[in-house]
Amino acid sequence: MNISGIVVHALPENTEALRTQMAALAGVEVHVAQPDGRIVITVEDTPDAVPSDTIMQVQLLPGVLSAAMIYNYCDE
């Protein structure tokens, strides 16, 4: 099991659209999305993807300014 906590900074006008797009990614749970573009998500590993790949997908979404891992938990 691998769980990462991510803080995403996005363009404020894209926050709601990005919230929906991120929630649709496998292993992603959106916890809060502020109107100013700050979004907090967790990313868990899945049979199809490891968190690092999913974080890269998040970073490449149009309107995302940055995505930084602030916490990681790994256990068998």
N, C-alpha and C. Protein backbone atom coordinates (compact mmCIF):
# COMPACT_ATOMS: atom_id res chain seq x y z
N MET A 1 0.85 -1.17 0.00
CA MET A 1 0.00 0.00 0.00
C MET A 1 0.90 1.23 0.00
N ASN A 2 0.56 2.17 -0.84
CA ASN A 2 1.30 3.41 -0.97
C ASN A 2 0.27 4.53 -1.08
N ILE A 3 0.31 5.47 -0.16
CA ILE A 3 -0.63 6.60 -0.16
C ILE A 3 0.18 7.88 -0.11
N SER A 4 -0.13 8.82 -0.97
CA SER A 4 0.56 10.11 -0.99
C SER A 4 -0.45 11.24 -0.85
N GLY A 5 -0.09 12.23 -0.04
CA GLY A 5 -0.89 13.45 0.08
C GLY A 5 -0.30 14.51 -0.82
N ILE A 6 -1.14 15.11 -1.64
CA ILE A 6 -0.68 16.06 -2.66
C ILE A 6 -1.42 17.38 -2.51
N VAL A 7 -0.67 18.49 -2.61
CA VAL A 7 -1.28 19.81 -2.69
C VAL A 7 -1.12 20.28 -4.13
N VAL A 8 -2.24 20.60 -4.75
CA VAL A 8 -2.25 21.05 -6.14
C VAL A 8 -2.60 22.54 -6.14
N HIS A 9 -1.83 23.31 -6.90
CA HIS A 9 -2.17 24.72 -7.12
C HIS A 9 -2.59 24.84 -8.58
N ALA A 10 -3.76 25.44 -8.77
CA ALA A 10 -4.33 25.56 -10.12
C ALA A 10 -4.79 26.99 -10.36
N LEU A 11 -5.02 27.28 -11.61
CA LEU A 11 -5.64 28.57 -11.94
C LEU A 11 -7.05 28.57 -11.33
N PRO A 12 -7.40 29.63 -10.59
CA PRO A 12 -8.70 29.65 -9.89
C PRO A 12 -9.89 29.35 -10.79
N GLU A 13 -9.86 29.81 -12.02
CA GLU A 13 -11.00 29.59 -12.92
C GLU A 13 -11.13 28.13 -13.35
N ASN A 14 -10.11 27.32 -13.09
CA ASN A 14 -10.14 25.91 -13.49
C ASN A 14 -10.39 24.96 -12.32
N THR A 15 -10.56 25.50 -11.13
CA THR A 15 -10.62 24.66 -9.93
C THR A 15 -11.70 23.59 -10.00
N GLU A 16 -12.92 23.96 -10.31
CA GLU A 16 -14.01 22.97 -10.32
C GLU A 16 -13.84 21.93 -11.42
N ALA A 17 -13.41 22.35 -12.59
CA ALA A 17 -13.19 21.39 -13.68
C ALA A 17 -12.07 20.42 -13.31
N LEU A 18 -11.01 20.94 -12.70
CA LEU A 18 -9.89 20.08 -12.31
C LEU A 18 -10.30 19.13 -11.19
N ARG A 19 -11.13 19.60 -10.29
CA ARG A 19 -11.62 18.72 -9.22
C ARG A 19 -12.30 17.49 -9.82
N THR A 20 -13.14 17.71 -10.81
CA THR A 20 -13.84 16.62 -11.47
C THR A 20 -12.88 15.71 -12.22
N GLN A 21 -11.92 16.30 -12.94
CA GLN A 21 -10.96 15.51 -13.71
C GLN A 21 -10.08 14.67 -12.80
N MET A 22 -9.62 15.25 -11.69
CA MET A 22 -8.76 14.51 -10.78
C MET A 22 -9.53 13.38 -10.09
N ALA A 23 -10.76 13.64 -9.71
CA ALA A 23 -11.58 12.62 -9.04
C ALA A 23 -11.81 11.41 -9.96
N ALA A 24 -11.76 11.63 -11.26
CA ALA A 24 -11.98 10.55 -12.22
C ALA A 24 -10.74 9.67 -12.40
N LEU A 25 -9.59 10.12 -11.93
CA LEU A 25 -8.36 9.33 -12.06
C LEU A 25 -8.36 8.19 -11.04
N ALA A 26 -7.91 7.04 -11.46
CA ALA A 26 -7.86 5.87 -10.57
C ALA A 26 -6.94 6.13 -9.39
N GLY A 27 -7.44 5.85 -8.19
CA GLY A 27 -6.66 6.00 -6.98
C GLY A 27 -6.63 7.40 -6.39
N VAL A 28 -7.34 8.35 -6.99
CA VAL A 28 -7.33 9.73 -6.51
C VAL A 28 -8.61 10.03 -5.75
N GLU A 29 -8.44 10.67 -4.60
CA GLU A 29 -9.58 11.18 -3.84
C GLU A 29 -9.33 12.66 -3.59
N VAL A 30 -10.30 13.48 -3.96
CA VAL A 30 -10.21 14.93 -3.74
C VAL A 30 -10.84 15.22 -2.39
N HIS A 31 -10.07 15.86 -1.52
CA HIS A 31 -10.55 16.15 -0.17
C HIS A 31 -11.11 17.55 -0.05
N VAL A 32 -10.47 18.51 -0.67
CA VAL A 32 -10.97 19.90 -0.63
C VAL A 32 -10.45 20.64 -1.86
N ALA A 33 -11.29 21.52 -2.37
CA ALA A 33 -10.90 22.39 -3.48
C ALA A 33 -11.38 23.80 -3.15
N GLN A 34 -10.44 24.69 -2.97
CA GLN A 34 -10.75 26.07 -2.63
C GLN A 34 -10.92 26.91 -3.90
N PRO A 35 -11.78 27.92 -3.85
CA PRO A 35 -12.00 28.76 -5.04
C PRO A 35 -10.73 29.46 -5.54
N ASP A 36 -9.73 29.61 -4.67
CA ASP A 36 -8.49 30.29 -5.09
C ASP A 36 -7.52 29.36 -5.82
N GLY A 37 -7.92 28.08 -6.04
CA GLY A 37 -7.10 27.17 -6.83
C GLY A 37 -6.32 26.15 -6.03
N ARG A 38 -6.43 26.16 -4.71
CA ARG A 38 -5.74 25.16 -3.89
C ARG A 38 -6.62 23.91 -3.78
N ILE A 39 -6.03 22.76 -4.08
CA ILE A 39 -6.75 21.50 -4.06
C ILE A 39 -5.90 20.48 -3.30
N VAL A 40 -6.52 19.75 -2.38
CA VAL A 40 -5.82 18.72 -1.63
C VAL A 40 -6.38 17.37 -2.05
N ILE A 41 -5.47 16.47 -2.45
CA ILE A 41 -5.87 15.13 -2.88
C ILE A 41 -4.99 14.09 -2.22
N THR A 42 -5.48 12.86 -2.18
CA THR A 42 -4.63 11.72 -1.86
C THR A 42 -4.59 10.82 -3.09
N VAL A 43 -3.46 10.17 -3.25
CA VAL A 43 -3.25 9.26 -4.37
C VAL A 43 -2.81 7.92 -3.80
N GLU A 44 -3.53 6.86 -4.13
CA GLU A 44 -3.19 5.51 -3.71
C GLU A 44 -2.75 4.70 -4.92
N ASP A 45 -1.89 3.73 -4.67
CA ASP A 45 -1.51 2.87 -5.78
C ASP A 45 -2.70 1.99 -6.18
N THR A 46 -2.72 1.65 -7.44
CA THR A 46 -3.77 0.79 -7.98
C THR A 46 -3.06 -0.32 -8.78
N PRO A 47 -3.80 -1.35 -9.16
CA PRO A 47 -3.17 -2.38 -9.98
C PRO A 47 -2.63 -1.85 -11.32
N ASP A 48 -3.20 -0.74 -11.78
CA ASP A 48 -2.80 -0.21 -13.09
C ASP A 48 -1.78 0.92 -13.03
N ALA A 49 -1.60 1.54 -11.85
CA ALA A 49 -0.70 2.71 -11.80
C ALA A 49 -0.12 2.89 -10.40
N VAL A 50 1.11 3.36 -10.37
CA VAL A 50 1.74 3.73 -9.11
C VAL A 50 1.51 5.23 -8.89
N PRO A 51 1.55 5.69 -7.63
CA PRO A 51 1.26 7.09 -7.37
C PRO A 51 2.11 8.08 -8.17
N SER A 52 3.36 7.77 -8.41
CA SER A 52 4.20 8.71 -9.16
C SER A 52 3.67 8.96 -10.56
N ASP A 53 3.12 7.92 -11.21
CA ASP A 53 2.53 8.09 -12.53
C ASP A 53 1.26 8.94 -12.45
N THR A 54 0.45 8.70 -11.43
CA THR A 54 -0.79 9.46 -11.27
C THR A 54 -0.49 10.92 -10.97
N ILE A 55 0.52 11.17 -10.13
CA ILE A 55 0.90 12.55 -9.82
C ILE A 55 1.35 13.26 -11.09
N MET A 56 2.07 12.57 -11.94
CA MET A 56 2.49 13.16 -13.21
C MET A 56 1.28 13.49 -14.08
N GLN A 57 0.27 12.61 -14.09
CA GLN A 57 -0.96 12.89 -14.83
C GLN A 57 -1.62 14.16 -14.31
N VAL A 58 -1.65 14.31 -12.99
CA VAL A 58 -2.25 15.50 -12.37
C VAL A 58 -1.47 16.74 -12.80
N GLN A 59 -0.15 16.68 -12.75
CA GLN A 59 0.67 17.84 -13.12
C GLN A 59 0.46 18.26 -14.57
N LEU A 60 0.12 17.32 -15.42
CA LEU A 60 -0.03 17.62 -16.85
C LEU A 60 -1.44 18.09 -17.23
N LEU A 61 -2.37 18.09 -16.27
CA LEU A 61 -3.73 18.56 -16.57
C LEU A 61 -3.70 20.06 -16.88
N PRO A 62 -4.39 20.50 -17.93
CA PRO A 62 -4.42 21.93 -18.26
C PRO A 62 -5.00 22.73 -17.10
N GLY A 63 -4.28 23.79 -16.72
CA GLY A 63 -4.73 24.64 -15.63
C GLY A 63 -4.03 24.37 -14.31
N VAL A 64 -3.29 23.25 -14.22
CA VAL A 64 -2.53 22.95 -13.00
C VAL A 64 -1.21 23.72 -13.06
N LEU A 65 -0.93 24.46 -12.00
CA LEU A 65 0.32 25.21 -11.92
C LEU A 65 1.41 24.37 -11.26
N SER A 66 1.04 23.60 -10.22
CA SER A 66 1.99 22.72 -9.56
C SER A 66 1.25 21.65 -8.78
N ALA A 67 1.95 20.55 -8.54
CA ALA A 67 1.43 19.47 -7.70
C ALA A 67 2.61 18.97 -6.88
N ALA A 68 2.51 19.13 -5.56
CA ALA A 68 3.62 18.78 -4.68
C ALA A 68 3.21 17.72 -3.67
N MET A 69 4.02 16.67 -3.57
CA MET A 69 3.76 15.64 -2.57
C MET A 69 4.20 16.19 -1.22
N ILE A 70 3.28 16.15 -0.25
CA ILE A 70 3.62 16.64 1.08
C ILE A 70 3.64 15.52 2.12
N TYR A 71 3.16 14.35 1.74
CA TYR A 71 3.13 13.22 2.67
C TYR A 71 3.13 11.93 1.86
N ASN A 72 3.85 10.93 2.39
CA ASN A 72 3.84 9.62 1.76
C ASN A 72 3.86 8.54 2.82
N TYR A 73 3.01 7.54 2.67
CA TYR A 73 2.97 6.39 3.57
C TYR A 73 3.08 5.15 2.71
N CYS A 74 4.01 4.26 3.11
CA CYS A 74 4.21 3.03 2.35
C CYS A 74 4.29 1.87 3.33
N ASP A 75 3.53 0.82 3.05
CA ASP A 75 3.50 -0.36 3.91
C ASP A 75 3.11 -1.55 3.05
N GLU A 76 3.58 -2.71 3.44
CA GLU A 76 3.21 -3.91 2.71
C GLU A 76 1.89 -4.36 3.23
